Amino acid sequence: TWTGGSTYYADSVKGRFTISRDNAKSTVYL
């Protein structure tokens, strides 16, 4: 989410993948 930064993951990738965001750049990373 853009405001609170709450993250959600599929079970298959939990612990291995990390999602993040840069609000100023409107960019999401994986």
Full PDB file with SEQRES, HELIX, SHEET, SSBOND, CRYST1, ORIGX, SCALE, CONECT and MASTER records, all heavy atoms in Angstrom:
SEQRES   1 A   30  THR TRP THR GLY GLY SER THR TYR TYR ALA ASP SER VAL          
SEQRES   2 A   30  LYS GLY ARG PHE THR ILE SER ARG ASP ASN ALA LYS SER          
SEQRES   3 A   30  THR VAL TYR LEU                                              
HELIX    1 AA1 ASN A   23  LYS A   25  5                                   3    
SHEET    1 AA1 2 SER A  20  ASP A  22  0                                        
SHEET    2 AA1 2 THR A  27  TYR A  29 -1                                        
CRYST1    1.000    1.000    1.000  90.00  90.00  90.00 P 1           1          
ORIGX1      1.000000  0.000000  0.000000        0.00000                         
ORIGX2      0.000000  1.000000  0.000000        0.00000                         
ORIGX3      0.000000  0.000000  1.000000        0.00000                         
SCALE1      1.000000  0.000000  0.000000        0.00000                         
SCALE2      0.000000  1.000000  0.000000        0.00000                         
SCALE3      0.000000  0.000000  1.000000        0.00000                         
ATOM      1  N   THR A   1       0.835  -1.192   0.000  1.00  0.00           N  
ATOM      2  CA  THR A   1       0.000   0.000   0.000  1.00  0.00           C  
ATOM      3  C   THR A   1       0.872   1.245   0.000  1.00  0.00           C  
ATOM      4  O   THR A   1       1.983   1.247   0.538  1.00  0.00           O  
ATOM      5  CB  THR A   1      -0.942   0.030   1.211  1.00  0.00           C  
ATOM      6  OG1 THR A   1      -0.186   0.067   2.432  1.00  0.00           O  
ATOM      7  CG2 THR A   1      -1.841  -1.198   1.226  1.00  0.00           C  
ATOM      8  N   TRP A   2       0.379   2.320  -0.601  1.00  0.00           N  
ATOM      9  CA  TRP A   2       1.156   3.541  -0.712  1.00  0.00           C  
ATOM     10  C   TRP A   2       1.280   4.282   0.610  1.00  0.00           C  
ATOM     11  O   TRP A   2       2.330   4.849   0.914  1.00  0.00           O  
ATOM     12  CB  TRP A   2       0.539   4.471  -1.753  1.00  0.00           C  
ATOM     13  CG  TRP A   2       0.736   4.022  -3.159  1.00  0.00           C  
ATOM     14  CD1 TRP A   2      -0.210   3.585  -4.030  1.00  0.00           C  
ATOM     15  CD2 TRP A   2       1.984   3.963  -3.863  1.00  0.00           C  
ATOM     16  NE1 TRP A   2       0.360   3.254  -5.237  1.00  0.00           N  
ATOM     17  CE2 TRP A   2       1.703   3.480  -5.163  1.00  0.00           C  
ATOM     18  CE3 TRP A   2       3.308   4.275  -3.521  1.00  0.00           C  
ATOM     19  CZ2 TRP A   2       2.698   3.300  -6.126  1.00  0.00           C  
ATOM     20  CZ3 TRP A   2       4.303   4.084  -4.475  1.00  0.00           C  
ATOM     21  CH2 TRP A   2       3.985   3.606  -5.760  1.00  0.00           C  
ATOM     22  N   THR A   3       0.218   4.312   1.401  1.00  0.00           N  
ATOM     23  CA  THR A   3       0.214   5.118   2.617  1.00  0.00           C  
ATOM     24  C   THR A   3       0.896   4.428   3.789  1.00  0.00           C  
ATOM     25  O   THR A   3       1.855   4.952   4.352  1.00  0.00           O  
ATOM     26  CB  THR A   3      -1.225   5.492   2.998  1.00  0.00           C  
ATOM     27  OG1 THR A   3      -2.034   4.312   3.096  1.00  0.00           O  
ATOM     28  CG2 THR A   3      -1.825   6.420   1.957  1.00  0.00           C  
ATOM     29  N   GLY A   4       0.427   3.284   4.180  1.00  0.00           N  
ATOM     30  CA  GLY A   4       0.975   2.606   5.338  1.00  0.00           C  
ATOM     31  C   GLY A   4       2.120   1.659   5.045  1.00  0.00           C  
ATOM     32  O   GLY A   4       2.824   1.227   5.961  1.00  0.00           O  
ATOM     33  N   GLY A   5       2.324   1.338   3.772  1.00  0.00           N  
ATOM     34  CA  GLY A   5       3.376   0.411   3.411  1.00  0.00           C  
ATOM     35  C   GLY A   5       3.099  -1.023   3.832  1.00  0.00           C  
ATOM     36  O   GLY A   5       4.040  -1.808   3.999  1.00  0.00           O  
ATOM     37  N   SER A   6       1.836  -1.360   4.002  1.00  0.00           N  
ATOM     38  CA  SER A   6       1.480  -2.730   4.345  1.00  0.00           C  
ATOM     39  C   SER A   6       1.795  -3.652   3.175  1.00  0.00           C  
ATOM     40  O   SER A   6       1.491  -3.331   2.032  1.00  0.00           O  
ATOM     41  CB  SER A   6       0.004  -2.831   4.711  1.00  0.00           C  
ATOM     42  OG  SER A   6      -0.298  -2.013   5.833  1.00  0.00           O  
ATOM     43  N   THR A   7       2.386  -4.779   3.476  1.00  0.00           N  
ATOM     44  CA  THR A   7       2.807  -5.711   2.437  1.00  0.00           C  
ATOM     45  C   THR A   7       2.055  -7.022   2.533  1.00  0.00           C  
ATOM     46  O   THR A   7       1.641  -7.448   3.617  1.00  0.00           O  
ATOM     47  CB  THR A   7       4.311  -5.981   2.515  1.00  0.00           C  
ATOM     48  OG1 THR A   7       4.638  -6.501   3.813  1.00  0.00           O  
ATOM     49  CG2 THR A   7       5.095  -4.703   2.280  1.00  0.00           C  
ATOM     50  N   TYR A   8       1.910  -7.666   1.392  1.00  0.00           N  
ATOM     51  CA  TYR A   8       1.234  -8.949   1.292  1.00  0.00           C  
ATOM     52  C   TYR A   8       2.019  -9.814   0.322  1.00  0.00           C  
ATOM     53  O   TYR A   8       2.495  -9.334  -0.707  1.00  0.00           O  
ATOM     54  CB  TYR A   8      -0.209  -8.768   0.809  1.00  0.00           C  
ATOM     55  CG  TYR A   8      -0.992  -7.775   1.626  1.00  0.00           C  
ATOM     56  CD1 TYR A   8      -0.960  -6.418   1.323  1.00  0.00           C  
ATOM     57  CD2 TYR A   8      -1.750  -8.189   2.714  1.00  0.00           C  
ATOM     58  CE1 TYR A   8      -1.664  -5.497   2.084  1.00  0.00           C  
ATOM     59  CE2 TYR A   8      -2.460  -7.278   3.477  1.00  0.00           C  
ATOM     60  CZ  TYR A   8      -2.409  -5.933   3.157  1.00  0.00           C  
ATOM     61  OH  TYR A   8      -3.109  -5.030   3.913  1.00  0.00           O  
ATOM     62  N   TYR A   9       2.146 -11.096   0.649  1.00  0.00           N  
ATOM     63  CA  TYR A   9       2.939 -12.001  -0.160  1.00  0.00           C  
ATOM     64  C   TYR A   9       2.214 -13.314  -0.396  1.00  0.00           C  
ATOM     65  O   TYR A   9       1.481 -13.801   0.468  1.00  0.00           O  
ATOM     66  CB  TYR A   9       4.275 -12.317   0.513  1.00  0.00           C  
ATOM     67  CG  TYR A   9       5.186 -11.131   0.694  1.00  0.00           C  
ATOM     68  CD1 TYR A   9       5.201 -10.410   1.876  1.00  0.00           C  
ATOM     69  CD2 TYR A   9       6.046 -10.744  -0.333  1.00  0.00           C  
ATOM     70  CE1 TYR A   9       6.040  -9.326   2.039  1.00  0.00           C  
ATOM     71  CE2 TYR A   9       6.896  -9.659  -0.171  1.00  0.00           C  
ATOM     72  CZ  TYR A   9       6.887  -8.958   1.012  1.00  0.00           C  
ATOM     73  OH  TYR A   9       7.728  -7.877   1.171  1.00  0.00           O  
ATOM     74  N   ALA A  10       2.443 -13.881  -1.561  1.00  0.00           N  
ATOM     75  CA  ALA A  10       2.011 -15.243  -1.803  1.00  0.00           C  
ATOM     76  C   ALA A  10       2.849 -16.184  -0.949  1.00  0.00           C  
ATOM     77  O   ALA A  10       4.024 -15.928  -0.685  1.00  0.00           O  
ATOM     78  CB  ALA A  10       2.163 -15.598  -3.278  1.00  0.00           C  
ATOM     79  N   ASP A  11       2.243 -17.269  -0.509  1.00  0.00           N  
ATOM     80  CA  ASP A  11       2.953 -18.219   0.336  1.00  0.00           C  
ATOM     81  C   ASP A  11       4.228 -18.741  -0.325  1.00  0.00           C  
ATOM     82  O   ASP A  11       5.218 -19.015   0.352  1.00  0.00           O  
ATOM     83  CB  ASP A  11       2.047 -19.394   0.701  1.00  0.00           C  
ATOM     84  CG  ASP A  11       0.946 -19.006   1.668  1.00  0.00           C  
ATOM     85  OD1 ASP A  11       1.077 -17.970   2.346  1.00  0.00           O  
ATOM     86  OD2 ASP A  11      -0.053 -19.751   1.753  1.00  0.00           O  
ATOM     87  N   SER A  12       4.207 -18.861  -1.631  1.00  0.00           N  
ATOM     88  CA  SER A  12       5.328 -19.440  -2.353  1.00  0.00           C  
ATOM     89  C   SER A  12       6.584 -18.575  -2.330  1.00  0.00           C  
ATOM     90  O   SER A  12       7.680 -19.076  -2.598  1.00  0.00           O  
ATOM     91  CB  SER A  12       4.934 -19.731  -3.804  1.00  0.00           C  
ATOM     92  OG  SER A  12       4.524 -18.545  -4.463  1.00  0.00           O  
ATOM     93  N   VAL A  13       6.439 -17.287  -2.006  1.00  0.00           N  
ATOM     94  CA  VAL A  13       7.590 -16.387  -2.039  1.00  0.00           C  
ATOM     95  C   VAL A  13       7.918 -15.779  -0.682  1.00  0.00           C  
ATOM     96  O   VAL A  13       8.920 -15.063  -0.561  1.00  0.00           O  
ATOM     97  CB  VAL A  13       7.398 -15.261  -3.072  1.00  0.00           C  
ATOM     98  CG1 VAL A  13       7.079 -15.838  -4.441  1.00  0.00           C  
ATOM     99  CG2 VAL A  13       6.307 -14.288  -2.628  1.00  0.00           C  
ATOM    100  N   LYS A  14       7.121 -16.049   0.329  1.00  0.00           N  
ATOM    101  CA  LYS A  14       7.377 -15.497   1.657  1.00  0.00           C  
ATOM    102  C   LYS A  14       8.751 -15.908   2.162  1.00  0.00           C  
ATOM    103  O   LYS A  14       9.149 -17.063   2.054  1.00  0.00           O  
ATOM    104  CB  LYS A  14       6.300 -15.960   2.643  1.00  0.00           C  
ATOM    105  CG  LYS A  14       4.957 -15.290   2.462  1.00  0.00           C  
ATOM    106  CD  LYS A  14       3.956 -15.789   3.487  1.00  0.00           C  
ATOM    107  CE  LYS A  14       2.616 -15.105   3.320  1.00  0.00           C  
ATOM    108  NZ  LYS A  14       1.599 -15.627   4.274  1.00  0.00           N  
ATOM    109  N   GLY A  15       9.473 -14.936   2.702  1.00  0.00           N  
ATOM    110  CA  GLY A  15      10.805 -15.185   3.212  1.00  0.00           C  
ATOM    111  C   GLY A  15      11.896 -15.068   2.180  1.00  0.00           C  
ATOM    112  O   GLY A  15      13.080 -15.042   2.532  1.00  0.00           O  
ATOM    113  N   ARG A  16      11.536 -15.005   0.905  1.00  0.00           N  
ATOM    114  CA  ARG A  16      12.518 -14.897  -0.170  1.00  0.00           C  
ATOM    115  C   ARG A  16      12.398 -13.588  -0.940  1.00  0.00           C  
ATOM    116  O   ARG A  16      13.410 -13.029  -1.373  1.00  0.00           O  
ATOM    117  CB  ARG A  16      12.380 -16.070  -1.144  1.00  0.00           C  
ATOM    118  CG  ARG A  16      12.597 -17.431  -0.500  1.00  0.00           C  
ATOM    119  CD  ARG A  16      12.648 -18.541  -1.542  1.00  0.00           C  
ATOM    120  NE  ARG A  16      11.396 -18.646  -2.290  1.00  0.00           N  
ATOM    121  CZ  ARG A  16      11.286 -18.459  -3.598  1.00  0.00           C  
ATOM    122  NH1 ARG A  16      12.360 -18.154  -4.319  1.00  0.00           N  
ATOM    123  NH2 ARG A  16      10.112 -18.587  -4.201  1.00  0.00           N  
ATOM    124  N   PHE A  17      11.176 -13.116  -1.136  1.00  0.00           N  
ATOM    125  CA  PHE A  17      10.937 -11.890  -1.888  1.00  0.00           C  
ATOM    126  C   PHE A  17      10.560 -10.763  -0.939  1.00  0.00           C  
ATOM    127  O   PHE A  17       9.918 -10.990   0.092  1.00  0.00           O  
ATOM    128  CB  PHE A  17       9.792 -12.074  -2.896  1.00  0.00           C  
ATOM    129  CG  PHE A  17      10.099 -12.986  -4.051  1.00  0.00           C  
ATOM    130  CD1 PHE A  17      11.249 -13.758  -4.080  1.00  0.00           C  
ATOM    131  CD2 PHE A  17       9.219 -13.062  -5.119  1.00  0.00           C  
ATOM    132  CE1 PHE A  17      11.525 -14.601  -5.146  1.00  0.00           C  
ATOM    133  CE2 PHE A  17       9.486 -13.896  -6.187  1.00  0.00           C  
ATOM    134  CZ  PHE A  17      10.633 -14.666  -6.201  1.00  0.00           C  
ATOM    135  N   THR A  18      10.940  -9.542  -1.290  1.00  0.00           N  
ATOM    136  CA  THR A  18      10.585  -8.362  -0.520  1.00  0.00           C  
ATOM    137  C   THR A  18      10.098  -7.271  -1.465  1.00  0.00           C  
ATOM    138  O   THR A  18      10.806  -6.893  -2.400  1.00  0.00           O  
ATOM    139  CB  THR A  18      11.767  -7.836   0.297  1.00  0.00           C  
ATOM    140  OG1 THR A  18      12.249  -8.858   1.170  1.00  0.00           O  
ATOM    141  CG2 THR A  18      11.335  -6.632   1.132  1.00  0.00           C  
ATOM    142  N   ILE A  19       8.899  -6.773  -1.218  1.00  0.00           N  
ATOM    143  CA  ILE A  19       8.367  -5.674  -2.005  1.00  0.00           C  
ATOM    144  C   ILE A  19       8.566  -4.374  -1.230  1.00  0.00           C  
ATOM    145  O   ILE A  19       8.420  -4.337  -0.009  1.00  0.00           O  
ATOM    146  CB  ILE A  19       6.876  -5.896  -2.357  1.00  0.00           C  
ATOM    147  CG1 ILE A  19       6.390  -4.835  -3.347  1.00  0.00           C  
ATOM    148  CG2 ILE A  19       6.010  -5.928  -1.107  1.00  0.00           C  
ATOM    149  CD1 ILE A  19       5.001  -5.114  -3.904  1.00  0.00           C  
ATOM    150  N   SER A  20       8.914  -3.315  -1.933  1.00  0.00           N  
ATOM    151  CA  SER A  20       9.105  -2.013  -1.321  1.00  0.00           C  
ATOM    152  C   SER A  20       8.681  -0.932  -2.304  1.00  0.00           C  
ATOM    153  O   SER A  20       8.441  -1.219  -3.478  1.00  0.00           O  
ATOM    154  CB  SER A  20      10.560  -1.808  -0.887  1.00  0.00           C  
ATOM    155  OG  SER A  20      11.444  -1.882  -1.987  1.00  0.00           O  
ATOM    156  N   ARG A  21       8.586   0.291  -1.806  1.00  0.00           N  
ATOM    157  CA  ARG A  21       8.176   1.375  -2.695  1.00  0.00           C  
ATOM    158  C   ARG A  21       8.863   2.680  -2.352  1.00  0.00           C  
ATOM    159  O   ARG A  21       9.267   2.901  -1.209  1.00  0.00           O  
ATOM    160  CB  ARG A  21       6.645   1.561  -2.676  1.00  0.00           C  
ATOM    161  CG  ARG A  21       6.108   2.440  -1.538  1.00  0.00           C  
ATOM    162  CD  ARG A  21       5.861   1.619  -0.286  1.00  0.00           C  
ATOM    163  NE  ARG A  21       5.046   2.345   0.691  1.00  0.00           N  
ATOM    164  CZ  ARG A  21       5.538   3.034   1.723  1.00  0.00           C  
ATOM    165  NH1 ARG A  21       6.859   3.086   1.904  1.00  0.00           N  
ATOM    166  NH2 ARG A  21       4.725   3.645   2.565  1.00  0.00           N  
ATOM    167  N   ASP A  22       9.001   3.529  -3.356  1.00  0.00           N  
ATOM    168  CA  ASP A  22       9.508   4.884  -3.221  1.00  0.00           C  
ATOM    169  C   ASP A  22       8.383   5.794  -3.666  1.00  0.00           C  
ATOM    170  O   ASP A  22       8.151   5.966  -4.861  1.00  0.00           O  
ATOM    171  CB  ASP A  22      10.763   5.090  -4.070  1.00  0.00           C  
ATOM    172  CG  ASP A  22      11.386   6.456  -3.871  1.00  0.00           C  
ATOM    173  OD1 ASP A  22      10.673   7.413  -3.526  1.00  0.00           O  
ATOM    174  OD2 ASP A  22      12.615   6.567  -4.072  1.00  0.00           O  
ATOM    175  N   ASN A  23       7.662   6.359  -2.716  1.00  0.00           N  
ATOM    176  CA  ASN A  23       6.487   7.159  -3.035  1.00  0.00           C  
ATOM    177  C   ASN A  23       6.825   8.372  -3.905  1.00  0.00           C  
ATOM    178  O   ASN A  23       6.062   8.730  -4.801  1.00  0.00           O  
ATOM    179  CB  ASN A  23       5.785   7.621  -1.754  1.00  0.00           C  
ATOM    180  CG  ASN A  23       5.143   6.486  -0.989  1.00  0.00           C  
ATOM    181  OD1 ASN A  23       5.705   5.385  -0.893  1.00  0.00           O  
ATOM    182  ND2 ASN A  23       3.968   6.737  -0.438  1.00  0.00           N  
ATOM    183  N   ALA A  24       7.959   9.011  -3.636  1.00  0.00           N  
ATOM    184  CA  ALA A  24       8.346  10.197  -4.389  1.00  0.00           C  
ATOM    185  C   ALA A  24       8.579   9.871  -5.862  1.00  0.00           C  
ATOM    186  O   ALA A  24       8.324  10.704  -6.733  1.00  0.00           O  
ATOM    187  CB  ALA A  24       9.593  10.831  -3.788  1.00  0.00           C  
ATOM    188  N   LYS A  25       9.069   8.681  -6.141  1.00  0.00           N  
ATOM    189  CA  LYS A  25       9.347   8.263  -7.509  1.00  0.00           C  
ATOM    190  C   LYS A  25       8.232   7.435  -8.121  1.00  0.00           C  
ATOM    191  O   LYS A  25       8.330   7.044  -9.283  1.00  0.00           O  
ATOM    192  CB  LYS A  25      10.654   7.470  -7.561  1.00  0.00           C  
ATOM    193  CG  LYS A  25      11.884   8.258  -7.166  1.00  0.00           C  
ATOM    194  CD  LYS A  25      13.137   7.398  -7.263  1.00  0.00           C  
ATOM    195  CE  LYS A  25      14.378   8.184  -6.894  1.00  0.00           C  
ATOM    196  NZ  LYS A  25      15.609   7.343  -6.973  1.00  0.00           N  
ATOM    197  N   SER A  26       7.196   7.170  -7.342  1.00  0.00           N  
ATOM    198  CA  SER A  26       6.093   6.311  -7.787  1.00  0.00           C  
ATOM    199  C   SER A  26       6.629   5.003  -8.353  1.00  0.00           C  
ATOM    200  O   SER A  26       6.212   4.548  -9.425  1.00  0.00           O  
ATOM    201  CB  SER A  26       5.222   7.037  -8.816  1.00  0.00           C  
ATOM    202  OG  SER A  26       4.600   8.172  -8.248  1.00  0.00           O  
ATOM    203  N   THR A  27       7.547   4.416  -7.629  1.00  0.00           N  
ATOM    204  CA  THR A  27       8.222   3.212  -8.084  1.00  0.00           C  
ATOM    205  C   THR A  27       8.098   2.113  -7.038  1.00  0.00           C  
ATOM    206  O   THR A  27       8.230   2.370  -5.838  1.00  0.00           O  
ATOM    207  CB  THR A  27       9.707   3.485  -8.371  1.00  0.00           C  
ATOM    208  OG1 THR A  27       9.814   4.478  -9.397  1.00  0.00           O  
ATOM    209  CG2 THR A  27      10.421   2.222  -8.829  1.00  0.00           C  
ATOM    210  N   VAL A  28       7.840   0.918  -7.505  1.00  0.00           N  
ATOM    211  CA  VAL A  28       7.768  -0.258  -6.651  1.00  0.00           C  
ATOM    212  C   VAL A  28       8.869  -1.226  -7.062  1.00  0.00           C  
ATOM    213  O   VAL A  28       9.149  -1.393  -8.252  1.00  0.00           O  
ATOM    214  CB  VAL A  28       6.386  -0.927  -6.743  1.00  0.00           C  
ATOM    215  CG1 VAL A  28       6.376  -2.256  -6.000  1.00  0.00           C  
ATOM    216  CG2 VAL A  28       5.320  -0.008  -6.173  1.00  0.00           C  
ATOM    217  N   TYR A  29       9.475  -1.857  -6.070  1.00  0.00           N  
ATOM    218  CA  TYR A  29      10.565  -2.784  -6.302  1.00  0.00           C  
ATOM    219  C   TYR A  29      10.191  -4.169  -5.789  1.00  0.00           C  
ATOM    220  O   TYR A  29       9.391  -4.312  -4.867  1.00  0.00           O  
ATOM    221  CB  TYR A  29      11.843  -2.321  -5.601  1.00  0.00           C  
ATOM    222  CG  TYR A  29      12.246  -0.908  -5.934  1.00  0.00           C  
ATOM    223  CD1 TYR A  29      11.843   0.161  -5.147  1.00  0.00           C  
ATOM    224  CD2 TYR A  29      13.035  -0.641  -7.053  1.00  0.00           C  
ATOM    225  CE1 TYR A  29      12.208   1.457  -5.454  1.00  0.00           C  
ATOM    226  CE2 TYR A  29      13.405   0.652  -7.368  1.00  0.00           C  
ATOM    227  CZ  TYR A  29      12.989   1.701  -6.563  1.00  0.00           C  
ATOM    228  OH  TYR A  29      13.357   2.988  -6.883  1.00  0.00           O  
ATOM    229  N   LEU A  30      10.790  -5.161  -6.393  1.00  0.00           N  
ATOM    230  CA  LEU A  30      10.652  -6.527  -5.922  1.00  0.00           C  
ATOM    231  C   LEU A  30      12.037  -7.140  -5.839  1.00  0.00           C  
ATOM    232  O   LEU A  30      12.645  -7.455  -6.862  1.00  0.00           O  
ATOM    233  CB  LEU A  30       9.755  -7.354  -6.840  1.00  0.00           C  
ATOM    234  CG  LEU A  30       9.438  -8.767  -6.355  1.00  0.00           C  
ATOM    235  CD1 LEU A  30       8.563  -8.710  -5.107  1.00  0.00           C  
ATOM    236  CD2 LEU A  30       8.755  -9.579  -7.437  1.00  0.00           C  
TER     237      LEU A  30                                                      
MASTER        0    0    0    1    2    0    0    6  236    1    0    3          
END                                                                             
